[in-house]
Amino acid sequence: MTYEDALKASKKIGASKAEGLPLLAMTISTLALVHAINPMLAFDGAVKLGLTAAQVRNLDPVSLGDLMFV
Protein backbone atom coordinates (compact mmCIF):
# COMPACT_ATOMS: atom_id res chain seq x y z
CA MET A 1 0.00 0.00 0.00
CA THR A 2 1.38 3.39 -0.93
CA TYR A 3 1.43 6.42 1.34
CA GLU A 4 -1.36 8.09 -0.64
CA ASP A 5 -3.58 4.99 -0.47
CA ALA A 6 -2.95 4.58 3.25
CA LEU A 7 -3.72 8.25 3.90
CA LYS A 8 -6.97 8.03 1.91
CA ALA A 9 -7.93 4.92 3.86
CA SER A 10 -7.20 6.65 7.17
CA LYS A 11 -9.44 9.57 6.23
CA LYS A 12 -12.19 7.18 5.14
CA ILE A 13 -11.94 5.08 8.31
CA GLY A 14 -11.40 7.93 10.74
CA ALA A 15 -8.71 8.55 13.30
CA SER A 16 -10.37 6.65 16.12
CA LYS A 17 -10.67 3.44 14.07
CA ALA A 18 -7.48 3.58 12.00
CA GLU A 19 -4.87 0.89 12.54
CA GLY A 20 -1.93 -0.59 10.66
CA LEU A 21 -0.72 1.29 7.59
CA PRO A 22 -3.53 3.90 7.61
CA LEU A 23 -2.63 4.81 11.19
CA LEU A 24 1.06 4.93 10.27
CA ALA A 25 0.32 7.26 7.35
CA MET A 26 -1.78 9.52 9.57
CA THR A 27 0.94 9.60 12.23
CA ILE A 28 3.70 10.46 9.75
CA SER A 29 1.50 13.06 8.08
CA THR A 30 1.03 14.79 11.43
CA LEU A 31 4.72 14.56 12.35
CA ALA A 32 5.65 16.02 8.95
CA LEU A 33 3.88 19.24 9.95
CA VAL A 34 6.24 19.64 12.91
CA HIS A 35 9.48 18.17 11.56
CA ALA A 36 11.10 18.89 8.21
CA ILE A 37 10.46 15.47 6.68
CA ASN A 38 8.95 14.22 3.46
CA PRO A 39 5.99 12.11 4.63
CA MET A 40 6.05 9.76 1.62
CA LEU A 41 9.73 8.93 2.09
CA ALA A 42 9.36 8.57 5.86
CA PHE A 43 6.33 6.29 5.39
CA ASP A 44 8.24 4.09 2.92
CA GLY A 45 11.20 3.89 5.32
CA ALA A 46 8.98 2.96 8.26
CA VAL A 47 7.27 0.25 6.20
CA LYS A 48 10.64 -1.15 5.05
CA LEU A 49 11.81 -1.33 8.67
CA GLY A 50 8.50 -2.79 9.84
CA LEU A 51 7.81 0.01 12.32
CA THR A 52 4.39 0.59 13.81
CA ALA A 53 2.78 4.00 14.34
CA ALA A 54 3.55 3.76 18.07
CA GLN A 55 7.23 3.09 17.35
CA VAL A 56 7.39 6.01 14.91
CA ARG A 57 5.84 8.34 17.50
CA ASN A 58 8.63 7.41 19.93
CA LEU A 59 11.47 8.22 17.53
CA ASP A 60 13.65 11.23 18.18
CA PRO A 61 13.71 13.91 15.43
CA VAL A 62 17.01 12.72 13.95
CA SER A 63 15.81 9.12 13.69
CA LEU A 64 12.55 10.32 12.19
CA GLY A 65 14.49 12.16 9.50
CA ASP A 66 16.65 9.08 8.92
CA LEU A 67 13.54 7.15 7.86
CA MET A 68 13.61 9.10 4.61
CA PHE A 69 16.93 7.49 3.64
CA VAL A 70 16.21 3.83 4.34
PDB file of N, CA and C in Angstrom:
ATOM      1  N   MET A   1       0.852  -1.178   0.000  1.00  0.00           N
ATOM      2  CA  MET A   1       0.000   0.000   0.000  1.00  0.00           C
ATOM      3  C   MET A   1       0.893   1.234   0.000  1.00  0.00           C
ATOM      4  N   THR A   2       0.596   2.162  -0.871  1.00  0.00           N
ATOM      5  CA  THR A   2       1.382   3.392  -0.933  1.00  0.00           C
ATOM      6  C   THR A   2       0.943   4.367   0.151  1.00  0.00           C
ATOM      7  N   TYR A   3       1.757   5.390   0.354  1.00  0.00           N
ATOM      8  CA  TYR A   3       1.434   6.420   1.341  1.00  0.00           C
ATOM      9  C   TYR A   3       0.095   7.078   1.023  1.00  0.00           C
ATOM     10  N   GLU A   4      -0.109   7.414  -0.252  1.00  0.00           N
ATOM     11  CA  GLU A   4      -1.358   8.089  -0.641  1.00  0.00           C
ATOM     12  C   GLU A   4      -2.577   7.210  -0.374  1.00  0.00           C
ATOM     13  N   ASP A   5      -2.467   5.914  -0.703  1.00  0.00           N
ATOM     14  CA  ASP A   5      -3.577   4.989  -0.468  1.00  0.00           C
ATOM     15  C   ASP A   5      -3.860   4.826   1.026  1.00  0.00           C
ATOM     16  N   ALA A   6      -2.792   4.722   1.804  1.00  0.00           N
ATOM     17  CA  ALA A   6      -2.953   4.576   3.255  1.00  0.00           C
ATOM     18  C   ALA A   6      -3.561   5.831   3.862  1.00  0.00           C
ATOM     19  N   LEU A   7      -3.168   6.998   3.374  1.00  0.00           N
ATOM     20  CA  LEU A   7      -3.717   8.249   3.901  1.00  0.00           C
ATOM     21  C   LEU A   7      -5.192   8.388   3.534  1.00  0.00           C
ATOM     22  N   LYS A   8      -5.553   8.010   2.303  1.00  0.00           N
ATOM     23  CA  LYS A   8      -6.965   8.031   1.905  1.00  0.00           C
ATOM     24  C   LYS A   8      -7.779   7.085   2.770  1.00  0.00           C
ATOM     25  N   ALA A   9      -7.233   5.900   3.026  1.00  0.00           N
ATOM     26  CA  ALA A   9      -7.931   4.921   3.858  1.00  0.00           C
ATOM     27  C   ALA A   9      -8.113   5.437   5.276  1.00  0.00           C
ATOM     28  N   SER A  10      -7.097   6.128   5.801  1.00  0.00           N
ATOM     29  CA  SER A  10      -7.203   6.654   7.168  1.00  0.00           C
ATOM     30  C   SER A  10      -8.277   7.727   7.261  1.00  0.00           C
ATOM     31  N   LYS A  11      -8.412   8.532   6.215  1.00  0.00           N
ATOM     32  CA  LYS A  11      -9.443   9.571   6.229  1.00  0.00           C
ATOM     33  C   LYS A  11     -10.833   8.955   6.087  1.00  0.00           C
ATOM     34  N   LYS A  12     -10.909   7.867   5.332  1.00  0.00           N
ATOM     35  CA  LYS A  12     -12.189   7.185   5.140  1.00  0.00           C
ATOM     36  C   LYS A  12     -12.616   6.466   6.425  1.00  0.00           C
ATOM     37  N   ILE A  13     -11.663   5.831   7.085  1.00  0.00           N
ATOM     38  CA  ILE A  13     -11.943   5.077   8.308  1.00  0.00           C
ATOM     39  C   ILE A  13     -12.175   6.010   9.486  1.00  0.00           C
ATOM     40  N   GLY A  14     -11.346   7.017   9.601  1.00  0.00           N
ATOM     41  CA  GLY A  14     -11.404   7.932  10.735  1.00  0.00           C
ATOM     42  C   GLY A  14     -10.287   7.649  11.716  1.00  0.00           C
ATOM     43  N   ALA A  15      -9.866   8.659  12.407  1.00  0.00           N
ATOM     44  CA  ALA A  15      -8.709   8.552  13.304  1.00  0.00           C
ATOM     45  C   ALA A  15      -8.935   7.570  14.443  1.00  0.00           C
ATOM     46  N   SER A  16     -10.122   7.517  14.965  1.00  0.00           N
ATOM     47  CA  SER A  16     -10.369   6.648  16.117  1.00  0.00           C
ATOM     48  C   SER A  16     -10.378   5.170  15.753  1.00  0.00           C
ATOM     49  N   LYS A  17     -10.595   4.836  14.479  1.00  0.00           N
ATOM     50  CA  LYS A  17     -10.674   3.438  14.072  1.00  0.00           C
ATOM     51  C   LYS A  17      -9.497   3.001  13.207  1.00  0.00           C
ATOM     52  N   ALA A  18      -8.611   3.909  12.871  1.00  0.00           N
ATOM     53  CA  ALA A  18      -7.477   3.579  11.996  1.00  0.00           C
ATOM     54  C   ALA A  18      -6.481   2.695  12.734  1.00  0.00           C
ATOM     55  N   GLU A  19      -5.926   1.737  11.995  1.00  0.00           N
ATOM     56  CA  GLU A  19      -4.868   0.893  12.537  1.00  0.00           C
ATOM     57  C   GLU A  19      -4.000   0.412  11.384  1.00  0.00           C
ATOM     58  N   GLY A  20      -2.830  -0.094  11.701  1.00  0.00           N
ATOM     59  CA  GLY A  20      -1.931  -0.590  10.664  1.00  0.00           C
ATOM     60  C   GLY A  20      -1.364   0.529   9.813  1.00  0.00           C
ATOM     61  N   LEU A  21      -1.313   0.304   8.511  1.00  0.00           N
ATOM     62  CA  LEU A  21      -0.724   1.289   7.592  1.00  0.00           C
ATOM     63  C   LEU A  21      -1.497   2.607   7.535  1.00  0.00           C
ATOM     64  N   PRO A  22      -2.840   2.602   7.573  1.00  0.00           N
ATOM     65  CA  PRO A  22      -3.535   3.900   7.608  1.00  0.00           C
ATOM     66  C   PRO A  22      -3.163   4.734   8.839  1.00  0.00           C
ATOM     67  N   LEU A  23      -3.025   4.085   9.986  1.00  0.00           N
ATOM     68  CA  LEU A  23      -2.626   4.812  11.190  1.00  0.00           C
ATOM     69  C   LEU A  23      -1.192   5.317  11.066  1.00  0.00           C
ATOM     70  N   LEU A  24      -0.322   4.502  10.492  1.00  0.00           N
ATOM     71  CA  LEU A  24       1.062   4.925  10.273  1.00  0.00           C
ATOM     72  C   LEU A  24       1.119   6.138   9.356  1.00  0.00           C
ATOM     73  N   ALA A  25       0.342   6.123   8.278  1.00  0.00           N
ATOM     74  CA  ALA A  25       0.317   7.259   7.353  1.00  0.00           C
ATOM     75  C   ALA A  25      -0.200   8.519   8.039  1.00  0.00           C
ATOM     76  N   MET A  26      -1.225   8.372   8.853  1.00  0.00           N
ATOM     77  CA  MET A  26      -1.783   9.519   9.567  1.00  0.00           C
ATOM     78  C   MET A  26      -0.764  10.073  10.569  1.00  0.00           C
ATOM     79  N   THR A  27      -0.069   9.193  11.248  1.00  0.00           N
ATOM     80  CA  THR A  27       0.940   9.601  12.228  1.00  0.00           C
ATOM     81  C   THR A  27       2.079  10.362  11.551  1.00  0.00           C
ATOM     82  N   ILE A  28       2.588   9.806  10.462  1.00  0.00           N
ATOM     83  CA  ILE A  28       3.696  10.456   9.754  1.00  0.00           C
ATOM     84  C   ILE A  28       3.245  11.769   9.132  1.00  0.00           C
ATOM     85  N   SER A  29       2.032  11.819   8.644  1.00  0.00           N
ATOM     86  CA  SER A  29       1.502  13.063   8.085  1.00  0.00           C
ATOM     87  C   SER A  29       1.478  14.166   9.139  1.00  0.00           C
ATOM     88  N   THR A  30       1.072  13.816  10.336  1.00  0.00           N
ATOM     89  CA  THR A  30       1.027  14.789  11.431  1.00  0.00           C
ATOM     90  C   THR A  30       2.434  15.208  11.847  1.00  0.00           C
ATOM     91  N   LEU A  31       3.343  14.243  11.956  1.00  0.00           N
ATOM     92  CA  LEU A  31       4.716  14.561  12.345  1.00  0.00           C
ATOM     93  C   LEU A  31       5.421  15.407  11.287  1.00  0.00           C
ATOM     94  N   ALA A  32       5.037  15.245  10.023  1.00  0.00           N
ATOM     95  CA  ALA A  32       5.647  16.024   8.945  1.00  0.00           C
ATOM     96  C   ALA A  32       5.329  17.510   9.075  1.00  0.00           C
ATOM     97  N   LEU A  33       4.228  17.836   9.732  1.00  0.00           N
ATOM     98  CA  LEU A  33       3.879  19.237   9.948  1.00  0.00           C
ATOM     99  C   LEU A  33       4.831  19.902  10.938  1.00  0.00           C
ATOM    100  N   VAL A  34       5.376  19.108  11.865  1.00  0.00           N
ATOM    101  CA  VAL A  34       6.241  19.637  12.914  1.00  0.00           C
ATOM    102  C   VAL A  34       7.717  19.537  12.532  1.00  0.00           C
ATOM    103  N   HIS A  35       8.088  18.422  11.915  1.00  0.00           N
ATOM    104  CA  HIS A  35       9.482  18.166  11.555  1.00  0.00           C
ATOM    105  C   HIS A  35       9.644  18.345  10.045  1.00  0.00           C
ATOM    106  N   ALA A  36      10.826  18.676   9.635  1.00  0.00           N
ATOM    107  CA  ALA A  36      11.096  18.893   8.207  1.00  0.00           C
ATOM    108  C   ALA A  36      11.378  17.549   7.529  1.00  0.00           C
ATOM    109  N   ILE A  37      10.309  16.766   7.337  1.00  0.00           N
ATOM    110  CA  ILE A  37      10.456  15.466   6.681  1.00  0.00           C
ATOM    111  C   ILE A  37       9.478  15.364   5.517  1.00  0.00           C
ATOM    112  N   ASN A  38       9.838  14.534   4.558  1.00  0.00           N
ATOM    113  CA  ASN A  38       8.950  14.218   3.455  1.00  0.00           C
ATOM    114  C   ASN A  38       8.109  13.029   3.915  1.00  0.00           C
ATOM    115  N   PRO A  39       6.796  13.194   4.071  1.00  0.00           N
ATOM    116  CA  PRO A  39       5.986  12.112   4.628  1.00  0.00           C
ATOM    117  C   PRO A  39       5.985  10.837   3.783  1.00  0.00           C
ATOM    118  N   MET A  40       6.044  10.961   2.468  1.00  0.00           N
ATOM    119  CA  MET A  40       6.055   9.762   1.618  1.00  0.00           C
ATOM    120  C   MET A  40       7.333   8.952   1.828  1.00  0.00           C
ATOM    121  N   LEU A  41       8.469   9.625   1.880  1.00  0.00           N
ATOM    122  CA  LEU A  41       9.735   8.928   2.091  1.00  0.00           C
ATOM    123  C   LEU A  41       9.822   8.340   3.498  1.00  0.00           C
ATOM    124  N   ALA A  42       9.351   9.069   4.490  1.00  0.00           N
ATOM    125  CA  ALA A  42       9.364   8.570   5.864  1.00  0.00           C
ATOM    126  C   ALA A  42       8.438   7.366   6.011  1.00  0.00           C
ATOM    127  N   PHE A  43       7.274   7.408   5.364  1.00  0.00           N
ATOM    128  CA  PHE A  43       6.330   6.288   5.390  1.00  0.00           C
ATOM    129  C   PHE A  43       6.979   5.052   4.767  1.00  0.00           C
ATOM    130  N   ASP A  44       7.587   5.220   3.599  1.00  0.00           N
ATOM    131  CA  ASP A  44       8.242   4.093   2.925  1.00  0.00           C
ATOM    132  C   ASP A  44       9.357   3.504   3.791  1.00  0.00           C
ATOM    133  N   GLY A  45      10.134   4.361   4.439  1.00  0.00           N
ATOM    134  CA  GLY A  45      11.198   3.889   5.325  1.00  0.00           C
ATOM    135  C   GLY A  45      10.662   3.128   6.518  1.00  0.00           C
ATOM    136  N   ALA A  46       9.588   3.634   7.107  1.00  0.00           N
ATOM    137  CA  ALA A  46       8.982   2.961   8.261  1.00  0.00           C
ATOM    138  C   ALA A  46       8.424   1.598   7.861  1.00  0.00           C
ATOM    139  N   VAL A  47       7.815   1.524   6.687  1.00  0.00           N
ATOM    140  CA  VAL A  47       7.272   0.249   6.201  1.00  0.00           C
ATOM    141  C   VAL A  47       8.415  -0.738   5.947  1.00  0.00           C
ATOM    142  N   LYS A  48       9.502  -0.276   5.333  1.00  0.00           N
ATOM    143  CA  LYS A  48      10.644  -1.153   5.054  1.00  0.00           C
ATOM    144  C   LYS A  48      11.248  -1.707   6.341  1.00  0.00           C
ATOM    145  N   LEU A  49      11.254  -0.890   7.388  1.00  0.00           N
ATOM    146  CA  LEU A  49      11.809  -1.331   8.671  1.00  0.00           C
ATOM    147  C   LEU A  49      10.794  -2.084   9.521  1.00  0.00           C
ATOM    148  N   GLY A  50       9.536  -2.092   9.091  1.00  0.00           N
ATOM    149  CA  GLY A  50       8.498  -2.793   9.842  1.00  0.00           C
ATOM    150  C   GLY A  50       8.076  -2.084  11.116  1.00  0.00           C
ATOM    151  N   LEU A  51       8.173  -0.761  11.132  1.00  0.00           N
ATOM    152  CA  LEU A  51       7.811   0.010  12.318  1.00  0.00           C
ATOM    153  C   LEU A  51       6.306   0.235  12.390  1.00  0.00           C
ATOM    154  N   THR A  52       5.791   0.260  13.598  1.00  0.00           N
ATOM    155  CA  THR A  52       4.386   0.589  13.814  1.00  0.00           C
ATOM    156  C   THR A  52       4.254   2.085  14.061  1.00  0.00           C
ATOM    157  N   ALA A  53       3.026   2.575  14.070  1.00  0.00           N
ATOM    158  CA  ALA A  53       2.784   3.997  14.340  1.00  0.00           C
ATOM    159  C   ALA A  53       3.287   4.368  15.734  1.00  0.00           C
ATOM    160  N   ALA A  54       3.089   3.481  16.702  1.00  0.00           N
ATOM    161  CA  ALA A  54       3.549   3.758  18.069  1.00  0.00           C
ATOM    162  C   ALA A  54       5.068   3.872  18.120  1.00  0.00           C
ATOM    163  N   GLN A  55       5.767   3.027  17.379  1.00  0.00           N
ATOM    164  CA  GLN A  55       7.226   3.087  17.352  1.00  0.00           C
ATOM    165  C   GLN A  55       7.707   4.359  16.669  1.00  0.00           C
ATOM    166  N   VAL A  56       7.022   4.778  15.616  1.00  0.00           N
ATOM    167  CA  VAL A  56       7.392   6.014  14.908  1.00  0.00           C
ATOM    168  C   VAL A  56       7.179   7.220  15.817  1.00  0.00           C
ATOM    169  N   ARG A  57       6.100   7.219  16.590  1.00  0.00           N
ATOM    170  CA  ARG A  57       5.835   8.338  17.502  1.00  0.00           C
ATOM    171  C   ARG A  57       6.918   8.476  18.567  1.00  0.00           C
ATOM    172  N   ASN A  58       7.599   7.384  18.896  1.00  0.00           N
ATOM    173  CA  ASN A  58       8.627   7.415  19.935  1.00  0.00           C
ATOM    174  C   ASN A  58      10.022   7.727  19.408  1.00  0.00           C
ATOM    175  N   LEU A  59      10.163   7.908  18.105  1.00  0.00           N
ATOM    176  CA  LEU A  59      11.469   8.224  17.531  1.00  0.00           C
ATOM    177  C   LEU A  59      11.864   9.666  17.824  1.00  0.00           C
ATOM    178  N   ASP A  60      13.166   9.872  18.024  1.00  0.00           N
ATOM    179  CA  ASP A  60      13.649  11.233  18.181  1.00  0.00           C
ATOM    180  C   ASP A  60      13.681  11.893  16.799  1.00  0.00           C
ATOM    181  N   PRO A  61      13.759  13.212  16.721  1.00  0.00           N
ATOM    182  CA  PRO A  61      13.706  13.911  15.432  1.00  0.00           C
ATOM    183  C   PRO A  61      14.759  13.466  14.420  1.00  0.00           C
ATOM    184  N   VAL A  62      15.962  13.149  14.873  1.00  0.00           N
ATOM    185  CA  VAL A  62      17.011  12.719  13.951  1.00  0.00           C
ATOM    186  C   VAL A  62      16.654  11.362  13.347  1.00  0.00           C
ATOM    187  N   SER A  63      16.205  10.443  14.175  1.00  0.00           N
ATOM    188  CA  SER A  63      15.807   9.122  13.686  1.00  0.00           C
ATOM    189  C   SER A  63      14.609   9.220  12.754  1.00  0.00           C
ATOM    190  N   LEU A  64      13.705  10.120  13.050  1.00  0.00           N
ATOM    191  CA  LEU A  64      12.548  10.325  12.189  1.00  0.00           C
ATOM    192  C   LEU A  64      13.004  10.799  10.816  1.00  0.00           C
ATOM    193  N   GLY A  65      13.941  11.692  10.771  1.00  0.00           N
ATOM    194  CA  GLY A  65      14.494  12.159   9.501  1.00  0.00           C
ATOM    195  C   GLY A  65      15.255  11.059   8.768  1.00  0.00           C
ATOM    196  N   ASP A  66      15.896  10.177   9.533  1.00  0.00           N
ATOM    197  CA  ASP A  66      16.649   9.078   8.924  1.00  0.00           C
ATOM    198  C   ASP A  66      15.742   8.091   8.194  1.00  0.00           C
ATOM    199  N   LEU A  67      14.470   8.043   8.553  1.00  0.00           N
ATOM    200  CA  LEU A  67      13.535   7.152   7.865  1.00  0.00           C
ATOM    201  C   LEU A  67      13.451   7.464   6.371  1.00  0.00           C
ATOM    202  N   MET A  68      13.705   8.709   6.024  1.00  0.00           N
ATOM    203  CA  MET A  68      13.611   9.099   4.612  1.00  0.00           C
ATOM    204  C   MET A  68      14.706   8.482   3.757  1.00  0.00           C
ATOM    205  N   PHE A  69      15.774   7.986   4.384  1.00  0.00           N
ATOM    206  CA  PHE A  69      16.927   7.492   3.640  1.00  0.00           C
ATOM    207  C   PHE A  69      17.137   5.985   3.783  1.00  0.00           C
ATOM    208  N   VAL A  70      16.109   5.290   4.211  1.00  0.00           N
ATOM    209  CA  VAL A  70      16.207   3.831   4.344  1.00  0.00           C
ATOM    210  C   VAL A  70      16.038   3.196   2.995  1.00  0.00           C
TER     211      VAL A  70
END
